[in-house]
Amino acid sequence: RNMATVVRISSSVSGSAFSRGVPGIGQRMLMGIDTGLT
């Protein structure tokens, strides 16, 4: 089981590239990132 982070694009995340949305699919609501924590 891996850890992931999900960000609501409509929320304010200062200085974040997340505001650009998910590349290539035109969906801007949510983005997920596999953190791959050690």
PDB file of all heavy atoms in Angstrom:
ATOM      1  N   ARG A   1       0.864  -1.183   0.000  1.00  0.00           N
ATOM      2  CA  ARG A   1       0.000   0.000   0.000  1.00  0.00           C
ATOM      3  C   ARG A   1       0.896   1.227   0.000  1.00  0.00           C
ATOM      4  O   ARG A   1       1.736   1.379   0.879  1.00  0.00           O
ATOM      5  CB  ARG A   1      -0.934   0.026   1.203  1.00  0.00           C
ATOM      6  CG  ARG A   1      -1.914   1.196   1.149  1.00  0.00           C
ATOM      7  CD  ARG A   1      -2.786   1.253   2.399  1.00  0.00           C
ATOM      8  NE  ARG A   1      -3.770   0.193   2.457  1.00  0.00           N
ATOM      9  CZ  ARG A   1      -4.949   0.235   1.839  1.00  0.00           C
ATOM     10  NH1 ARG A   1      -5.254   1.277   1.084  1.00  0.00           N
ATOM     11  NH2 ARG A   1      -5.799  -0.755   1.955  1.00  0.00           N
ATOM     12  N   ASN A   2       0.724   2.106  -0.980  1.00  0.00           N
ATOM     13  CA  ASN A   2       1.523   3.312  -1.093  1.00  0.00           C
ATOM     14  C   ASN A   2       0.744   4.525  -0.610  1.00  0.00           C
ATOM     15  O   ASN A   2      -0.485   4.546  -0.643  1.00  0.00           O
ATOM     16  CB  ASN A   2       1.942   3.550  -2.558  1.00  0.00           C
ATOM     17  CG  ASN A   2       2.875   2.475  -3.047  1.00  0.00           C
ATOM     18  OD1 ASN A   2       3.701   1.978  -2.305  1.00  0.00           O
ATOM     19  ND2 ASN A   2       2.732   2.094  -4.311  1.00  0.00           N
ATOM     20  N   MET A   3       1.481   5.549  -0.212  1.00  0.00           N
ATOM     21  CA  MET A   3       0.852   6.787   0.215  1.00  0.00           C
ATOM     22  C   MET A   3       0.710   7.722  -0.978  1.00  0.00           C
ATOM     23  O   MET A   3       1.599   7.795  -1.842  1.00  0.00           O
ATOM     24  CB  MET A   3       1.700   7.457   1.296  1.00  0.00           C
ATOM     25  CG  MET A   3       1.066   8.696   1.880  1.00  0.00           C
ATOM     26  SD  MET A   3       2.059   9.368   3.230  1.00  0.00           S
ATOM     27  CE  MET A   3       1.033  10.749   3.696  1.00  0.00           C
ATOM     28  N   ALA A   4      -0.400   8.439  -1.044  1.00  0.00           N
ATOM     29  CA  ALA A   4      -0.624   9.403  -2.118  1.00  0.00           C
ATOM     30  C   ALA A   4      -1.231  10.667  -1.549  1.00  0.00           C
ATOM     31  O   ALA A   4      -1.855  10.649  -0.486  1.00  0.00           O
ATOM     32  CB  ALA A   4      -1.542   8.813  -3.193  1.00  0.00           C
ATOM     33  N   THR A   5      -1.033  11.773  -2.253  1.00  0.00           N
ATOM     34  CA  THR A   5      -1.629  13.048  -1.878  1.00  0.00           C
ATOM     35  C   THR A   5      -2.578  13.489  -2.974  1.00  0.00           C
ATOM     36  O   THR A   5      -2.244  13.413  -4.157  1.00  0.00           O
ATOM     37  CB  THR A   5      -0.540  14.119  -1.681  1.00  0.00           C
ATOM     38  OG1 THR A   5       0.330  13.717  -0.633  1.00  0.00           O
ATOM     39  CG2 THR A   5      -1.164  15.463  -1.314  1.00  0.00           C
ATOM     40  N   VAL A   6      -3.764  13.941  -2.595  1.00  0.00           N
ATOM     41  CA  VAL A   6      -4.741  14.445  -3.562  1.00  0.00           C
ATOM     42  C   VAL A   6      -5.029  15.898  -3.224  1.00  0.00           C
ATOM     43  O   VAL A   6      -5.319  16.226  -2.073  1.00  0.00           O
ATOM     44  CB  VAL A   6      -6.038  13.614  -3.518  1.00  0.00           C
ATOM     45  CG1 VAL A   6      -7.074  14.186  -4.481  1.00  0.00           C
ATOM     46  CG2 VAL A   6      -5.738  12.161  -3.860  1.00  0.00           C
ATOM     47  N   VAL A   7      -4.927  16.757  -4.224  1.00  0.00           N
ATOM     48  CA  VAL A   7      -5.106  18.187  -4.022  1.00  0.00           C
ATOM     49  C   VAL A   7      -6.300  18.664  -4.817  1.00  0.00           C
ATOM     50  O   VAL A   7      -6.421  18.359  -6.009  1.00  0.00           O
ATOM     51  CB  VAL A   7      -3.846  18.965  -4.458  1.00  0.00           C
ATOM     52  CG1 VAL A   7      -4.065  20.467  -4.274  1.00  0.00           C
ATOM     53  CG2 VAL A   7      -2.636  18.503  -3.658  1.00  0.00           C
ATOM     54  N   ARG A   8      -7.194  19.404  -4.181  1.00  0.00           N
ATOM     55  CA  ARG A   8      -8.314  20.018  -4.884  1.00  0.00           C
ATOM     56  C   ARG A   8      -7.803  21.274  -5.576  1.00  0.00           C
ATOM     57  O   ARG A   8      -7.411  22.239  -4.921  1.00  0.00           O
ATOM     58  CB  ARG A   8      -9.444  20.342  -3.913  1.00  0.00           C
ATOM     59  CG  ARG A   8     -10.750  20.705  -4.609  1.00  0.00           C
ATOM     60  CD  ARG A   8     -11.868  20.917  -3.591  1.00  0.00           C
ATOM     61  NE  ARG A   8     -12.103  19.734  -2.768  1.00  0.00           N
ATOM     62  CZ  ARG A   8     -12.860  18.700  -3.156  1.00  0.00           C
ATOM     63  NH1 ARG A   8     -13.429  18.710  -4.337  1.00  0.00           N
ATOM     64  NH2 ARG A   8     -13.020  17.665  -2.367  1.00  0.00           N
ATOM     65  N   ILE A   9      -7.803  21.262  -6.916  1.00  0.00           N
ATOM     66  CA  ILE A   9      -7.194  22.343  -7.674  1.00  0.00           C
ATOM     67  C   ILE A   9      -7.881  23.678  -7.407  1.00  0.00           C
ATOM     68  O   ILE A   9      -7.265  24.727  -7.460  1.00  0.00           O
ATOM     69  CB  ILE A   9      -7.220  22.019  -9.180  1.00  0.00           C
ATOM     70  CG1 ILE A   9      -6.418  20.729  -9.448  1.00  0.00           C
ATOM     71  CG2 ILE A   9      -6.622  23.158 -10.005  1.00  0.00           C
ATOM     72  CD1 ILE A   9      -4.987  20.775  -8.968  1.00  0.00           C
ATOM     73  N   SER A  10      -9.147  23.666  -7.092  1.00  0.00           N
ATOM     74  CA  SER A  10      -9.872  24.904  -6.871  1.00  0.00           C
ATOM     75  C   SER A  10      -9.466  25.591  -5.572  1.00  0.00           C
ATOM     76  O   SER A  10      -9.767  26.758  -5.366  1.00  0.00           O
ATOM     77  CB  SER A  10     -11.386  24.643  -6.851  1.00  0.00           C
ATOM     78  OG  SER A  10     -11.704  23.696  -5.852  1.00  0.00           O
ATOM     79  N   SER A  11      -8.770  24.860  -4.668  1.00  0.00           N
ATOM     80  CA  SER A  11      -8.321  25.478  -3.423  1.00  0.00           C
ATOM     81  C   SER A  11      -7.036  26.241  -3.668  1.00  0.00           C
ATOM     82  O   SER A  11      -6.333  26.026  -4.655  1.00  0.00           O
ATOM     83  CB  SER A  11      -8.109  24.415  -2.340  1.00  0.00           C
ATOM     84  OG  SER A  11      -7.054  23.549  -2.714  1.00  0.00           O
ATOM     85  N   SER A  12      -6.702  27.148  -2.768  1.00  0.00           N
ATOM     86  CA  SER A  12      -5.513  27.982  -2.925  1.00  0.00           C
ATOM     87  C   SER A  12      -4.313  27.268  -2.331  1.00  0.00           C
ATOM     88  O   SER A  12      -4.268  26.972  -1.156  1.00  0.00           O
ATOM     89  CB  SER A  12      -5.724  29.319  -2.220  1.00  0.00           C
ATOM     90  OG  SER A  12      -4.546  30.089  -2.252  1.00  0.00           O
ATOM     91  N   VAL A  13      -3.331  26.972  -3.189  1.00  0.00           N
ATOM     92  CA  VAL A  13      -2.071  26.382  -2.745  1.00  0.00           C
ATOM     93  C   VAL A  13      -0.979  27.302  -3.245  1.00  0.00           C
ATOM     94  O   VAL A  13      -0.611  27.282  -4.409  1.00  0.00           O
ATOM     95  CB  VAL A  13      -1.881  24.955  -3.302  1.00  0.00           C
ATOM     96  CG1 VAL A  13      -0.587  24.361  -2.766  1.00  0.00           C
ATOM     97  CG2 VAL A  13      -3.069  24.090  -2.928  1.00  0.00           C
ATOM     98  N   SER A  14      -0.467  28.148  -2.385  1.00  0.00           N
ATOM     99  CA  SER A  14       0.451  29.201  -2.778  1.00  0.00           C
ATOM    100  C   SER A  14       1.711  28.641  -3.413  1.00  0.00           C
ATOM    101  O   SER A  14       2.331  27.709  -2.903  1.00  0.00           O
ATOM    102  CB  SER A  14       0.820  30.036  -1.549  1.00  0.00           C
ATOM    103  OG  SER A  14       1.772  31.020  -1.887  1.00  0.00           O
ATOM    104  N   GLY A  15       2.064  29.214  -4.571  1.00  0.00           N
ATOM    105  CA  GLY A  15       3.301  28.843  -5.233  1.00  0.00           C
ATOM    106  C   GLY A  15       3.303  27.459  -5.814  1.00  0.00           C
ATOM    107  O   GLY A  15       4.347  26.909  -6.123  1.00  0.00           O
ATOM    108  N   SER A  16       2.155  26.869  -5.980  1.00  0.00           N
ATOM    109  CA  SER A  16       2.101  25.477  -6.421  1.00  0.00           C
ATOM    110  C   SER A  16       1.846  25.365  -7.907  1.00  0.00           C
ATOM    111  O   SER A  16       1.038  26.100  -8.469  1.00  0.00           O
ATOM    112  CB  SER A  16       1.000  24.735  -5.669  1.00  0.00           C
ATOM    113  OG  SER A  16       0.831  23.447  -6.193  1.00  0.00           O
ATOM    114  N   ALA A  17       2.515  24.421  -8.544  1.00  0.00           N
ATOM    115  CA  ALA A  17       2.261  24.148  -9.956  1.00  0.00           C
ATOM    116  C   ALA A  17       0.953  23.422 -10.162  1.00  0.00           C
ATOM    117  O   ALA A  17       0.495  23.254 -11.284  1.00  0.00           O
ATOM    118  CB  ALA A  17       3.409  23.304 -10.535  1.00  0.00           C
ATOM    119  N   PHE A  18       0.307  22.970  -9.041  1.00  0.00           N
ATOM    120  CA  PHE A  18      -0.940  22.234  -9.165  1.00  0.00           C
ATOM    121  C   PHE A  18      -2.031  23.063  -9.839  1.00  0.00           C
ATOM    122  O   PHE A  18      -2.960  22.529 -10.412  1.00  0.00           O
ATOM    123  CB  PHE A  18      -1.443  21.795  -7.784  1.00  0.00           C
ATOM    124  CG  PHE A  18      -0.497  20.892  -7.046  1.00  0.00           C
ATOM    125  CD1 PHE A  18      -0.467  20.888  -5.666  1.00  0.00           C
ATOM    126  CD2 PHE A  18       0.372  20.058  -7.739  1.00  0.00           C
ATOM    127  CE1 PHE A  18       0.400  20.060  -4.985  1.00  0.00           C
ATOM    128  CE2 PHE A  18       1.236  19.226  -7.059  1.00  0.00           C
ATOM    129  CZ  PHE A  18       1.255  19.227  -5.683  1.00  0.00           C
ATOM    130  N   SER A  19      -1.933  24.400  -9.752  1.00  0.00           N
ATOM    131  CA  SER A  19      -2.985  25.252 -10.294  1.00  0.00           C
ATOM    132  C   SER A  19      -3.128  25.107 -11.804  1.00  0.00           C
ATOM    133  O   SER A  19      -4.108  25.549 -12.374  1.00  0.00           O
ATOM    134  CB  SER A  19      -2.704  26.713  -9.946  1.00  0.00           C
ATOM    135  OG  SER A  19      -1.461  27.117 -10.485  1.00  0.00           O
ATOM    136  N   ARG A  20      -2.129  24.514 -12.432  1.00  0.00           N
ATOM    137  CA  ARG A  20      -2.212  24.331 -13.878  1.00  0.00           C
ATOM    138  C   ARG A  20      -3.097  23.159 -14.264  1.00  0.00           C
ATOM    139  O   ARG A  20      -3.399  22.971 -15.429  1.00  0.00           O
ATOM    140  CB  ARG A  20      -0.803  24.136 -14.459  1.00  0.00           C
ATOM    141  CG  ARG A  20       0.073  25.371 -14.330  1.00  0.00           C
ATOM    142  CD  ARG A  20       1.287  25.248 -15.212  1.00  0.00           C
ATOM    143  NE  ARG A  20       2.161  24.180 -14.760  1.00  0.00           N
ATOM    144  CZ  ARG A  20       3.174  24.360 -13.920  1.00  0.00           C
ATOM    145  NH1 ARG A  20       3.398  25.543 -13.399  1.00  0.00           N
ATOM    146  NH2 ARG A  20       3.938  23.341 -13.552  1.00  0.00           N
ATOM    147  N   GLY A  21      -3.465  22.339 -13.304  1.00  0.00           N
ATOM    148  CA  GLY A  21      -4.354  21.230 -13.597  1.00  0.00           C
ATOM    149  C   GLY A  21      -3.606  19.999 -14.069  1.00  0.00           C
ATOM    150  O   GLY A  21      -2.386  19.954 -14.129  1.00  0.00           O
ATOM    151  N   VAL A  22      -4.353  18.982 -14.435  1.00  0.00           N
ATOM    152  CA  VAL A  22      -3.775  17.716 -14.888  1.00  0.00           C
ATOM    153  C   VAL A  22      -3.428  17.829 -16.358  1.00  0.00           C
ATOM    154  O   VAL A  22      -4.292  18.153 -17.175  1.00  0.00           O
ATOM    155  CB  VAL A  22      -4.771  16.562 -14.672  1.00  0.00           C
ATOM    156  CG1 VAL A  22      -4.169  15.257 -15.122  1.00  0.00           C
ATOM    157  CG2 VAL A  22      -5.166  16.487 -13.193  1.00  0.00           C
ATOM    158  N   PRO A  23      -2.163  17.611 -16.761  1.00  0.00           N
ATOM    159  CA  PRO A  23      -1.768  17.804 -18.157  1.00  0.00           C
ATOM    160  C   PRO A  23      -2.526  16.895 -19.104  1.00  0.00           C
ATOM    161  O   PRO A  23      -2.704  15.713 -18.838  1.00  0.00           O
ATOM    162  CB  PRO A  23      -0.268  17.440 -18.141  1.00  0.00           C
ATOM    163  CG  PRO A  23       0.141  17.526 -16.716  1.00  0.00           C
ATOM    164  CD  PRO A  23      -1.070  17.173 -15.913  1.00  0.00           C
ATOM    165  N   GLY A  24      -2.974  17.466 -20.199  1.00  0.00           N
ATOM    166  CA  GLY A  24      -3.449  16.665 -21.311  1.00  0.00           C
ATOM    167  C   GLY A  24      -4.869  16.184 -21.255  1.00  0.00           C
ATOM    168  O   GLY A  24      -5.346  15.601 -22.210  1.00  0.00           O
ATOM    169  N   ILE A  25      -5.582  16.407 -20.126  1.00  0.00           N
ATOM    170  CA  ILE A  25      -6.942  15.885 -20.083  1.00  0.00           C
ATOM    171  C   ILE A  25      -7.979  16.942 -19.750  1.00  0.00           C
ATOM    172  O   ILE A  25      -9.159  16.663 -19.716  1.00  0.00           O
ATOM    173  CB  ILE A  25      -7.068  14.713 -19.082  1.00  0.00           C
ATOM    174  CG1 ILE A  25      -6.677  15.176 -17.673  1.00  0.00           C
ATOM    175  CG2 ILE A  25      -6.239  13.528 -19.507  1.00  0.00           C
ATOM    176  CD1 ILE A  25      -6.957  14.120 -16.628  1.00  0.00           C
ATOM    177  N   GLY A  26      -7.524  18.187 -19.506  1.00  0.00           N
ATOM    178  CA  GLY A  26      -8.461  19.268 -19.299  1.00  0.00           C
ATOM    179  C   GLY A  26      -9.276  19.172 -18.026  1.00  0.00           C
ATOM    180  O   GLY A  26     -10.324  19.776 -17.909  1.00  0.00           O
ATOM    181  N   GLN A  27      -8.804  18.384 -17.054  1.00  0.00           N
ATOM    182  CA  GLN A  27      -9.521  18.259 -15.794  1.00  0.00           C
ATOM    183  C   GLN A  27      -8.761  19.031 -14.733  1.00  0.00           C
ATOM    184  O   GLN A  27      -7.586  18.785 -14.504  1.00  0.00           O
ATOM    185  CB  GLN A  27      -9.669  16.786 -15.382  1.00  0.00           C
ATOM    186  CG  GLN A  27     -10.546  16.011 -16.341  1.00  0.00           C
ATOM    187  CD  GLN A  27     -10.693  14.569 -15.912  1.00  0.00           C
ATOM    188  OE1 GLN A  27     -10.099  14.145 -14.947  1.00  0.00           O
ATOM    189  NE2 GLN A  27     -11.497  13.824 -16.644  1.00  0.00           N
ATOM    190  N   ARG A  28      -9.431  19.989 -14.052  1.00  0.00           N
ATOM    191  CA  ARG A  28      -8.745  20.864 -13.127  1.00  0.00           C
ATOM    192  C   ARG A  28      -9.223  20.702 -11.682  1.00  0.00           C
ATOM    193  O   ARG A  28      -8.793  21.424 -10.801  1.00  0.00           O
ATOM    194  CB  ARG A  28      -8.923  22.316 -13.558  1.00  0.00           C
ATOM    195  CG  ARG A  28      -8.365  22.610 -14.934  1.00  0.00           C
ATOM    196  CD  ARG A  28      -8.620  24.052 -15.326  1.00  0.00           C
ATOM    197  NE  ARG A  28      -8.020  24.987 -14.374  1.00  0.00           N
ATOM    198  CZ  ARG A  28      -6.749  25.364 -14.394  1.00  0.00           C
ATOM    199  NH1 ARG A  28      -5.931  24.871 -15.308  1.00  0.00           N
ATOM    200  NH2 ARG A  28      -6.285  26.229 -13.509  1.00  0.00           N
ATOM    201  N   MET A  29     -10.131  19.788 -11.447  1.00  0.00           N
ATOM    202  CA  MET A  29     -10.669  19.639 -10.096  1.00  0.00           C
ATOM    203  C   MET A  29      -9.690  18.987  -9.126  1.00  0.00           C
ATOM    204  O   MET A  29      -9.467  19.468  -8.036  1.00  0.00           O
ATOM    205  CB  MET A  29     -11.957  18.826 -10.127  1.00  0.00           C
ATOM    206  CG  MET A  29     -13.173  19.622 -10.541  1.00  0.00           C
ATOM    207  SD  MET A  29     -13.506  20.956  -9.397  1.00  0.00           S
ATOM    208  CE  MET A  29     -14.007  20.029  -7.950  1.00  0.00           C
ATOM    209  N   LEU A  30      -9.088  17.878  -9.543  1.00  0.00           N
ATOM    210  CA  LEU A  30      -8.270  17.103  -8.621  1.00  0.00           C
ATOM    211  C   LEU A  30      -6.992  16.644  -9.287  1.00  0.00           C
ATOM    212  O   LEU A  30      -6.959  16.393 -10.482  1.00  0.00           O
ATOM    213  CB  LEU A  30      -9.032  15.869  -8.127  1.00  0.00           C
ATOM    214  CG  LEU A  30     -10.305  16.131  -7.319  1.00  0.00           C
ATOM    215  CD1 LEU A  30     -11.093  14.834  -7.207  1.00  0.00           C
ATOM    216  CD2 LEU A  30      -9.967  16.652  -5.939  1.00  0.00           C
ATOM    217  N   MET A  31      -5.946  16.542  -8.505  1.00  0.00           N
ATOM    218  CA  MET A  31      -4.702  15.950  -8.988  1.00  0.00           C
ATOM    219  C   MET A  31      -4.161  15.038  -7.914  1.00  0.00           C
ATOM    220  O   MET A  31      -4.226  15.375  -6.723  1.00  0.00           O
ATOM    221  CB  MET A  31      -3.667  17.031  -9.325  1.00  0.00           C
ATOM    222  CG  MET A  31      -2.297  16.462  -9.689  1.00  0.00           C
ATOM    223  SD  MET A  31      -1.111  17.748 -10.112  1.00  0.00           S
ATOM    224  CE  MET A  31      -1.590  18.050 -11.789  1.00  0.00           C
ATOM    225  N   GLY A  32      -3.609  13.895  -8.296  1.00  0.00           N
ATOM    226  CA  GLY A  32      -3.034  12.986  -7.319  1.00  0.00           C
ATOM    227  C   GLY A  32      -1.557  12.812  -7.571  1.00  0.00           C
ATOM    228  O   GLY A  32      -1.106  12.852  -8.707  1.00  0.00           O
ATOM    229  N   ILE A  33      -0.798  12.656  -6.507  1.00  0.00           N
ATOM    230  CA  ILE A  33       0.639  12.456  -6.621  1.00  0.00           C
ATOM    231  C   ILE A  33       1.033  11.278  -5.765  1.00  0.00           C
ATOM    232  O   ILE A  33       0.680  11.223  -4.585  1.00  0.00           O
ATOM    233  CB  ILE A  33       1.438  13.692  -6.139  1.00  0.00           C
ATOM    234  CG1 ILE A  33       1.001  14.961  -6.885  1.00  0.00           C
ATOM    235  CG2 ILE A  33       2.938  13.486  -6.318  1.00  0.00           C
ATOM    236  CD1 ILE A  33       0.059  15.801  -6.131  1.00  0.00           C
ATOM    237  N   ASP A  34       1.758  10.328  -6.342  1.00  0.00           N
ATOM    238  CA  ASP A  34       2.303   9.225  -5.553  1.00  0.00           C
ATOM    239  C   ASP A  34       3.552   9.759  -4.870  1.00  0.00           C
ATOM    240  O   ASP A  34       4.545  10.042  -5.529  1.00  0.00           O
ATOM    241  CB  ASP A  34       2.637   8.049  -6.478  1.00  0.00           C
ATOM    242  CG  ASP A  34       3.119   6.832  -5.710  1.00  0.00           C
ATOM    243  OD1 ASP A  34       3.229   6.923  -4.486  1.00  0.00           O
ATOM    244  OD2 ASP A  34       3.380   5.809  -6.360  1.00  0.00           O
ATOM    245  N   THR A  35       3.521   9.927  -3.550  1.00  0.00           N
ATOM    246  CA  THR A  35       4.608  10.592  -2.855  1.00  0.00           C
ATOM    247  C   THR A  35       5.876   9.756  -2.808  1.00  0.00           C
ATOM    248  O   THR A  35       6.971  10.295  -2.719  1.00  0.00           O
ATOM    249  CB  THR A  35       4.196  10.931  -1.413  1.00  0.00           C
ATOM    250  OG1 THR A  35       3.868   9.730  -0.740  1.00  0.00           O
ATOM    251  CG2 THR A  35       3.009  11.871  -1.412  1.00  0.00           C
ATOM    252  N   GLY A  36       5.749   8.428  -2.820  1.00  0.00           N
ATOM    253  CA  GLY A  36       6.925   7.568  -2.770  1.00  0.00           C
ATOM    254  C   GLY A  36       7.782   7.820  -1.538  1.00  0.00           C
ATOM    255  O   GLY A  36       9.005   7.898  -1.619  1.00  0.00           O
ATOM    256  N   LEU A  37       7.163   7.991  -0.391  1.00  0.00           N
ATOM    257  CA  LEU A  37       7.892   8.337   0.822  1.00  0.00           C
ATOM    258  C   LEU A  37       8.884   7.252   1.220  1.00  0.00           C
ATOM    259  O   LEU A  37       8.594   6.064   1.161  1.00  0.00           O
ATOM    260  CB  LEU A  37       6.913   8.542   1.987  1.00  0.00           C
ATOM    261  CG  LEU A  37       5.991   9.761   1.895  1.00  0.00           C
ATOM    262  CD1 LEU A  37       5.052   9.753   3.094  1.00  0.00           C
ATOM    263  CD2 LEU A  37       6.797  11.035   1.883  1.00  0.00           C
ATOM    264  N   THR A  38      10.055   7.665   1.638  1.00  0.00           N
ATOM    265  CA  THR A  38      10.997   6.755   2.277  1.00  0.00           C
ATOM    266  C   THR A  38      10.872   6.938   3.777  1.00  0.00           C
ATOM    267  O   THR A  38      10.316   7.927   4.269  1.00  0.00           O
ATOM    268  CB  THR A  38      12.440   7.060   1.840  1.00  0.00           C
ATOM    269  OG1 THR A  38      12.771   8.395   2.272  1.00  0.00           O
ATOM    270  CG2 THR A  38      12.586   6.983   0.327  1.00  0.00           C
TER     271      THR A  38
END
